[in-house]
Amino acid sequence: MFQSDLKPYRNELVITTKAGYHMWPGPLGEFSGRKTLTAALDLSLQRMHLDYVDIFYAHRWDPNTNLRETAEALDSLVRQGKALYVGVSNYTAEQTKAIAEIFEELHTPFIGNQMSYNMFNREAEQDNMLDIWMHITPG
């Protein structure tokens, strides 16, 4: 669909993708290790017939992978030109602050934390997520 219908509008679209949930069998088929994130983005780009996405998200907190490895993997994907910006999804305020500090050190263009927030779900306020963003400079 993208190749035939949307390709003429590529420069007018913001295209994002995520990785972190179960993608394929085996220990590297989910979460946010370097190999998993790299393979997931490569497969997404291949399926969409694209060279890059605008934003690539680590879809969930990975309790099994060192946070620096996740941040450096995302940074590497930006430096390779496969993503313009990176983000996280469903991280707590504390987790977001921790990875944002690593991204700032690496000079990685970090765009944000995609999470559920609406009039019925105001968990971000209780978690102090909004306060955290006052101190984070997005990429």
N, C-alpha and C. Protein backbone atom coordinates (compact mmCIF):
# COMPACT_ATOMS: atom_id res chain seq x y z
N MET A 1 0.82 -1.19 0.00
CA MET A 1 0.00 0.00 0.00
C MET A 1 0.87 1.25 0.00
N PHE A 2 1.87 1.29 0.88
CA PHE A 2 2.68 2.50 0.95
C PHE A 2 3.34 2.79 -0.39
N GLN A 3 3.95 1.78 -0.95
CA GLN A 3 4.71 1.99 -2.18
C GLN A 3 3.83 2.53 -3.30
N SER A 4 2.62 2.03 -3.42
CA SER A 4 1.77 2.45 -4.53
C SER A 4 0.94 3.69 -4.22
N ASP A 5 0.38 3.79 -3.03
CA ASP A 5 -0.56 4.86 -2.74
C ASP A 5 0.04 6.07 -2.02
N LEU A 6 0.97 5.84 -1.13
CA LEU A 6 1.44 6.93 -0.28
C LEU A 6 2.81 7.48 -0.64
N LYS A 7 3.57 6.78 -1.44
CA LYS A 7 4.93 7.20 -1.75
C LYS A 7 5.02 8.63 -2.28
N PRO A 8 4.09 9.08 -3.13
CA PRO A 8 4.19 10.46 -3.62
C PRO A 8 4.07 11.51 -2.50
N TYR A 9 3.55 11.10 -1.34
CA TYR A 9 3.33 12.04 -0.23
C TYR A 9 4.33 11.84 0.91
N ARG A 10 5.39 11.08 0.69
CA ARG A 10 6.33 10.73 1.76
C ARG A 10 6.81 11.95 2.53
N ASN A 11 7.12 13.04 1.87
CA ASN A 11 7.64 14.23 2.55
C ASN A 11 6.57 14.98 3.32
N GLU A 12 5.32 14.62 3.14
CA GLU A 12 4.23 15.27 3.86
C GLU A 12 3.73 14.42 5.03
N LEU A 13 4.25 13.23 5.17
CA LEU A 13 3.80 12.29 6.20
C LEU A 13 4.83 12.15 7.31
N VAL A 14 4.36 11.88 8.51
CA VAL A 14 5.24 11.49 9.61
C VAL A 14 5.00 10.00 9.82
N ILE A 15 6.00 9.21 9.51
CA ILE A 15 5.87 7.76 9.59
C ILE A 15 6.65 7.25 10.79
N THR A 16 5.96 6.50 11.64
CA THR A 16 6.58 5.95 12.85
C THR A 16 6.38 4.44 12.88
N THR A 17 7.21 3.79 13.66
CA THR A 17 7.03 2.37 13.92
C THR A 17 7.61 2.08 15.30
N LYS A 18 7.27 0.93 15.83
CA LYS A 18 7.69 0.55 17.18
C LYS A 18 8.28 -0.85 17.18
N ALA A 19 9.01 -1.14 18.22
CA ALA A 19 9.51 -2.50 18.44
C ALA A 19 9.52 -2.75 19.94
N GLY A 20 9.38 -3.99 20.32
CA GLY A 20 9.46 -4.33 21.73
C GLY A 20 8.52 -5.44 22.15
N TYR A 21 7.41 -5.57 21.45
CA TYR A 21 6.51 -6.68 21.72
C TYR A 21 6.86 -7.85 20.82
N HIS A 22 6.28 -8.98 21.07
CA HIS A 22 6.63 -10.23 20.38
C HIS A 22 6.57 -10.07 18.86
N MET A 23 7.71 -10.26 18.20
CA MET A 23 7.79 -10.12 16.74
C MET A 23 8.05 -11.46 16.05
N TRP A 24 8.82 -12.33 16.69
CA TRP A 24 9.14 -13.64 16.12
C TRP A 24 9.56 -14.55 17.27
N PRO A 25 9.54 -15.87 17.08
CA PRO A 25 9.89 -16.80 18.15
C PRO A 25 11.36 -16.67 18.57
N GLY A 26 11.62 -16.98 19.81
CA GLY A 26 12.98 -16.97 20.31
C GLY A 26 13.24 -15.82 21.26
N PRO A 27 14.37 -15.86 21.94
CA PRO A 27 14.67 -14.87 22.97
C PRO A 27 14.91 -13.46 22.44
N LEU A 28 15.22 -13.31 21.17
CA LEU A 28 15.48 -11.98 20.62
C LEU A 28 14.28 -11.42 19.86
N GLY A 29 13.14 -12.08 19.98
CA GLY A 29 11.96 -11.65 19.25
C GLY A 29 11.12 -10.62 19.94
N GLU A 30 11.56 -10.14 21.10
CA GLU A 30 10.82 -9.09 21.80
C GLU A 30 11.75 -8.32 22.73
N PHE A 31 11.23 -7.27 23.31
CA PHE A 31 11.92 -6.35 24.20
C PHE A 31 12.85 -5.40 23.45
N SER A 32 13.88 -4.87 24.11
CA SER A 32 14.61 -3.73 23.55
C SER A 32 16.12 -3.88 23.53
N GLY A 33 16.61 -5.08 23.28
CA GLY A 33 18.04 -5.25 23.10
C GLY A 33 18.47 -4.73 21.73
N ARG A 34 19.75 -4.50 21.57
CA ARG A 34 20.28 -3.94 20.32
C ARG A 34 19.88 -4.77 19.10
N LYS A 35 20.08 -6.07 19.18
CA LYS A 35 19.79 -6.92 18.02
C LYS A 35 18.30 -6.91 17.69
N THR A 36 17.47 -6.95 18.70
CA THR A 36 16.02 -6.95 18.49
C THR A 36 15.56 -5.65 17.85
N LEU A 37 15.99 -4.51 18.40
CA LEU A 37 15.57 -3.22 17.85
C LEU A 37 16.05 -3.04 16.42
N THR A 38 17.29 -3.41 16.17
CA THR A 38 17.85 -3.26 14.82
C THR A 38 17.11 -4.13 13.82
N ALA A 39 16.90 -5.39 14.17
CA ALA A 39 16.20 -6.30 13.25
C ALA A 39 14.76 -5.85 13.03
N ALA A 40 14.10 -5.42 14.09
CA ALA A 40 12.70 -4.99 13.96
C ALA A 40 12.58 -3.78 13.03
N LEU A 41 13.47 -2.80 13.18
CA LEU A 41 13.39 -1.64 12.30
C LEU A 41 13.74 -2.01 10.87
N ASP A 42 14.76 -2.82 10.70
CA ASP A 42 15.11 -3.26 9.34
C ASP A 42 13.94 -3.96 8.66
N LEU A 43 13.25 -4.82 9.39
CA LEU A 43 12.10 -5.53 8.82
C LEU A 43 10.95 -4.57 8.51
N SER A 44 10.72 -3.61 9.39
CA SER A 44 9.67 -2.61 9.13
C SER A 44 9.98 -1.79 7.88
N LEU A 45 11.22 -1.35 7.77
CA LEU A 45 11.61 -0.57 6.59
C LEU A 45 11.44 -1.39 5.32
N GLN A 46 11.82 -2.64 5.40
CA GLN A 46 11.69 -3.53 4.24
C GLN A 46 10.23 -3.70 3.85
N ARG A 47 9.36 -3.93 4.84
CA ARG A 47 7.94 -4.13 4.55
C ARG A 47 7.30 -2.87 3.97
N MET A 48 7.75 -1.70 4.45
CA MET A 48 7.17 -0.44 3.97
C MET A 48 7.87 0.10 2.73
N HIS A 49 8.94 -0.55 2.30
CA HIS A 49 9.72 -0.08 1.15
C HIS A 49 10.24 1.34 1.38
N LEU A 50 10.81 1.56 2.58
CA LEU A 50 11.34 2.87 2.95
C LEU A 50 12.81 2.76 3.31
N ASP A 51 13.49 3.89 3.24
CA ASP A 51 14.88 3.97 3.69
C ASP A 51 14.97 4.38 5.15
N TYR A 52 13.95 5.10 5.63
CA TYR A 52 13.97 5.59 7.01
C TYR A 52 12.53 5.85 7.48
N VAL A 53 12.37 5.93 8.80
CA VAL A 53 11.11 6.38 9.40
C VAL A 53 11.40 7.69 10.12
N ASP A 54 10.37 8.44 10.36
CA ASP A 54 10.55 9.70 11.06
C ASP A 54 10.81 9.48 12.55
N ILE A 55 10.06 8.56 13.15
CA ILE A 55 10.24 8.27 14.58
C ILE A 55 10.22 6.76 14.78
N PHE A 56 11.18 6.27 15.55
CA PHE A 56 11.23 4.85 15.92
C PHE A 56 11.13 4.77 17.44
N TYR A 57 10.14 4.01 17.93
CA TYR A 57 9.89 3.89 19.35
C TYR A 57 10.31 2.53 19.91
N ALA A 58 10.90 2.55 21.10
CA ALA A 58 11.02 1.34 21.91
C ALA A 58 9.68 1.22 22.63
N HIS A 59 8.90 0.20 22.29
CA HIS A 59 7.49 0.14 22.65
C HIS A 59 7.21 -0.12 24.12
N ARG A 60 8.14 -0.69 24.85
CA ARG A 60 7.90 -0.92 26.27
C ARG A 60 9.22 -1.06 27.02
N TRP A 61 9.14 -0.83 28.31
CA TRP A 61 10.30 -0.98 29.18
C TRP A 61 10.77 -2.42 29.14
N ASP A 62 12.07 -2.59 29.07
CA ASP A 62 12.66 -3.92 29.00
C ASP A 62 13.41 -4.20 30.30
N PRO A 63 12.86 -5.05 31.17
CA PRO A 63 13.53 -5.33 32.44
C PRO A 63 14.78 -6.19 32.28
N ASN A 64 14.98 -6.77 31.10
CA ASN A 64 16.09 -7.69 30.89
C ASN A 64 17.30 -7.07 30.20
N THR A 65 17.16 -5.84 29.72
CA THR A 65 18.24 -5.20 28.96
C THR A 65 18.67 -3.93 29.67
N ASN A 66 19.97 -3.74 29.79
CA ASN A 66 20.51 -2.52 30.37
C ASN A 66 19.99 -1.32 29.58
N LEU A 67 19.54 -0.30 30.27
CA LEU A 67 18.95 0.87 29.62
C LEU A 67 19.91 1.54 28.66
N ARG A 68 21.18 1.56 29.00
CA ARG A 68 22.18 2.16 28.11
C ARG A 68 22.24 1.41 26.78
N GLU A 69 22.12 0.08 26.81
CA GLU A 69 22.13 -0.68 25.56
C GLU A 69 20.94 -0.29 24.68
N THR A 70 19.78 -0.15 25.29
CA THR A 70 18.60 0.28 24.53
C THR A 70 18.82 1.66 23.93
N ALA A 71 19.31 2.59 24.75
CA ALA A 71 19.54 3.96 24.26
C ALA A 71 20.59 3.99 23.16
N GLU A 72 21.67 3.26 23.34
CA GLU A 72 22.73 3.25 22.32
C GLU A 72 22.26 2.58 21.04
N ALA A 73 21.41 1.57 21.16
CA ALA A 73 20.87 0.92 19.95
C ALA A 73 20.00 1.91 19.18
N LEU A 74 19.14 2.64 19.88
CA LEU A 74 18.29 3.63 19.22
C LEU A 74 19.14 4.75 18.61
N ASP A 75 20.14 5.19 19.35
CA ASP A 75 21.06 6.22 18.84
C ASP A 75 21.74 5.74 17.56
N SER A 76 22.18 4.51 17.55
CA SER A 76 22.86 3.94 16.39
C SER A 76 21.95 3.94 15.16
N LEU A 77 20.68 3.66 15.36
CA LEU A 77 19.73 3.64 14.24
C LEU A 77 19.54 5.03 13.65
N VAL A 78 19.57 6.05 14.50
CA VAL A 78 19.52 7.43 14.00
C VAL A 78 20.79 7.74 13.22
N ARG A 79 21.92 7.39 13.77
CA ARG A 79 23.20 7.69 13.11
C ARG A 79 23.36 6.95 11.78
N GLN A 80 22.70 5.80 11.65
CA GLN A 80 22.71 5.06 10.39
C GLN A 80 21.72 5.63 9.38
N GLY A 81 20.91 6.60 9.80
CA GLY A 81 19.93 7.20 8.89
C GLY A 81 18.65 6.41 8.76
N LYS A 82 18.41 5.47 9.64
CA LYS A 82 17.20 4.65 9.56
C LYS A 82 16.02 5.29 10.29
N ALA A 83 16.29 6.25 11.16
CA ALA A 83 15.25 6.98 11.87
C ALA A 83 15.74 8.41 12.08
N LEU A 84 14.83 9.37 11.98
CA LEU A 84 15.21 10.76 12.23
C LEU A 84 15.20 11.07 13.72
N TYR A 85 14.23 10.50 14.43
CA TYR A 85 14.07 10.71 15.87
C TYR A 85 13.77 9.37 16.51
N VAL A 86 13.98 9.30 17.82
CA VAL A 86 13.60 8.11 18.57
C VAL A 86 12.71 8.52 19.73
N GLY A 87 11.97 7.54 20.22
CA GLY A 87 11.11 7.77 21.36
C GLY A 87 10.92 6.48 22.11
N VAL A 88 10.21 6.58 23.21
CA VAL A 88 9.85 5.41 23.99
C VAL A 88 8.33 5.39 24.11
N SER A 89 7.81 4.29 24.55
CA SER A 89 6.37 4.15 24.70
C SER A 89 6.08 3.39 25.98
N ASN A 90 5.18 3.94 26.76
CA ASN A 90 4.73 3.30 28.00
C ASN A 90 5.81 3.18 29.06
N TYR A 91 6.76 4.10 29.09
CA TYR A 91 7.75 4.16 30.16
C TYR A 91 7.16 5.00 31.29
N THR A 92 7.57 4.72 32.53
CA THR A 92 7.19 5.56 33.65
C THR A 92 7.98 6.86 33.59
N ALA A 93 7.62 7.81 34.44
CA ALA A 93 8.35 9.07 34.48
C ALA A 93 9.82 8.84 34.83
N GLU A 94 10.06 7.99 35.81
CA GLU A 94 11.44 7.70 36.22
C GLU A 94 12.24 7.05 35.09
N GLN A 95 11.63 6.12 34.39
CA GLN A 95 12.29 5.45 33.27
C GLN A 95 12.54 6.43 32.12
N THR A 96 11.58 7.29 31.86
CA THR A 96 11.73 8.29 30.80
C THR A 96 12.87 9.24 31.12
N LYS A 97 12.92 9.69 32.36
CA LYS A 97 13.99 10.60 32.77
C LYS A 97 15.36 9.93 32.61
N ALA A 98 15.45 8.67 33.00
CA ALA A 98 16.74 7.96 32.92
C ALA A 98 17.21 7.82 31.48
N ILE A 99 16.32 7.44 30.57
CA ILE A 99 16.76 7.27 29.18
C ILE A 99 16.99 8.63 28.52
N ALA A 100 16.23 9.64 28.91
CA ALA A 100 16.43 10.98 28.36
C ALA A 100 17.82 11.51 28.72
N GLU A 101 18.29 11.20 29.91
CA GLU A 101 19.63 11.64 30.32
C GLU A 101 20.70 10.98 29.45
N ILE A 102 20.51 9.71 29.12
CA ILE A 102 21.47 9.02 28.24
C ILE A 102 21.41 9.62 26.84
N PHE A 103 20.20 9.86 26.34
CA PHE A 103 20.06 10.46 25.01
C PHE A 103 20.70 11.85 24.95
N GLU A 104 20.56 12.61 26.02
CA GLU A 104 21.19 13.94 26.05
C GLU A 104 22.71 13.81 25.98
N GLU A 105 23.26 12.87 26.71
CA GLU A 105 24.70 12.62 26.68
C GLU A 105 25.17 12.20 25.28
N LEU A 106 24.36 11.39 24.60
CA LEU A 106 24.71 10.90 23.27
C LEU A 106 24.35 11.88 22.16
N HIS A 107 23.61 12.93 22.51
CA HIS A 107 23.09 13.90 21.53
C HIS A 107 22.13 13.23 20.54
N THR A 108 21.32 12.35 21.07
CA THR A 108 20.32 11.63 20.27
C THR A 108 19.04 12.45 20.20
N PRO A 109 18.46 12.62 19.03
CA PRO A 109 17.20 13.37 18.92
C PRO A 109 16.02 12.56 19.49
N PHE A 110 15.74 12.78 20.77
CA PHE A 110 14.69 12.08 21.51
C PHE A 110 13.42 12.90 21.48
N ILE A 111 12.36 12.31 20.98
CA ILE A 111 11.14 13.08 20.75
C ILE A 111 10.09 12.93 21.84
N GLY A 112 10.10 11.82 22.58
CA GLY A 112 9.12 11.72 23.64
C GLY A 112 8.74 10.31 24.05
N ASN A 113 7.73 10.28 24.92
CA ASN A 113 7.18 9.04 25.46
C ASN A 113 5.73 8.96 25.02
N GLN A 114 5.43 8.03 24.15
CA GLN A 114 4.06 7.85 23.69
C GLN A 114 3.33 7.00 24.71
N MET A 115 2.30 7.57 25.28
CA MET A 115 1.56 6.86 26.32
C MET A 115 0.09 7.25 26.27
N SER A 116 -0.70 6.47 26.94
CA SER A 116 -2.12 6.76 27.02
C SER A 116 -2.34 7.90 28.01
N TYR A 117 -3.01 8.95 27.55
CA TYR A 117 -3.35 10.07 28.42
C TYR A 117 -4.61 10.71 27.88
N ASN A 118 -5.64 10.68 28.67
CA ASN A 118 -6.91 11.28 28.26
C ASN A 118 -7.72 11.60 29.50
N MET A 119 -8.94 12.06 29.32
CA MET A 119 -9.74 12.47 30.47
C MET A 119 -10.09 11.29 31.39
N PHE A 120 -10.02 10.08 30.90
CA PHE A 120 -10.31 8.91 31.72
C PHE A 120 -9.04 8.26 32.28
N ASN A 121 -7.93 8.48 31.63
CA ASN A 121 -6.66 7.90 32.06
C ASN A 121 -5.67 9.03 32.30
N ARG A 122 -5.54 9.42 33.55
CA ARG A 122 -4.67 10.55 33.90
C ARG A 122 -3.46 10.08 34.72
N GLU A 123 -3.07 8.85 34.47
CA GLU A 123 -1.94 8.26 35.19
C GLU A 123 -0.66 9.07 35.02
N ALA A 124 -0.49 9.70 33.88
CA ALA A 124 0.72 10.49 33.63
C ALA A 124 0.87 11.61 34.65
N GLU A 125 -0.24 12.17 35.10
CA GLU A 125 -0.18 13.22 36.12
C GLU A 125 0.24 12.65 37.46
N GLN A 126 -0.30 11.50 37.82
CA GLN A 126 0.03 10.87 39.09
C GLN A 126 1.47 10.39 39.12
N ASP A 127 2.01 10.04 37.97
CA ASP A 127 3.38 9.54 37.85
C ASP A 127 4.38 10.69 37.72
N ASN A 128 3.90 11.93 37.69
CA ASN A 128 4.73 13.12 37.50
C ASN A 128 5.37 13.19 36.11
N MET A 129 4.79 12.50 35.14
CA MET A 129 5.34 12.52 33.79
C MET A 129 5.36 13.93 33.22
N LEU A 130 4.31 14.69 33.47
CA LEU A 130 4.25 16.05 32.92
C LEU A 130 5.36 16.92 33.51
N ASP A 131 5.65 16.75 34.79
CA ASP A 131 6.75 17.50 35.41
C ASP A 131 8.10 17.11 34.83
N ILE A 132 8.28 15.83 34.56
CA ILE A 132 9.54 15.35 33.98
C ILE A 132 9.79 16.05 32.65
N TRP A 133 8.73 16.20 31.85
CA TRP A 133 8.91 16.79 30.51
C TRP A 133 9.27 18.26 30.56
N MET A 134 9.04 18.90 31.69
CA MET A 134 9.46 20.30 31.83
C MET A 134 10.99 20.41 31.84
N HIS A 135 11.67 19.31 32.16
CA HIS A 135 13.13 19.32 32.29
C HIS A 135 13.84 18.56 31.18
N ILE A 136 13.07 18.01 30.24
CA ILE A 136 13.66 17.29 29.12
C ILE A 136 13.56 18.15 27.88
N THR A 137 14.66 18.27 27.17
CA THR A 137 14.65 19.01 25.92
C THR A 137 14.51 18.02 24.78
N PRO A 138 13.32 17.98 24.16
CA PRO A 138 13.14 17.03 23.05
C PRO A 138 14.07 17.34 21.88
N GLY A 139 14.42 16.28 21.13
CA GLY A 139 15.30 16.40 19.96
C GLY A 139 14.62 17.17 18.89
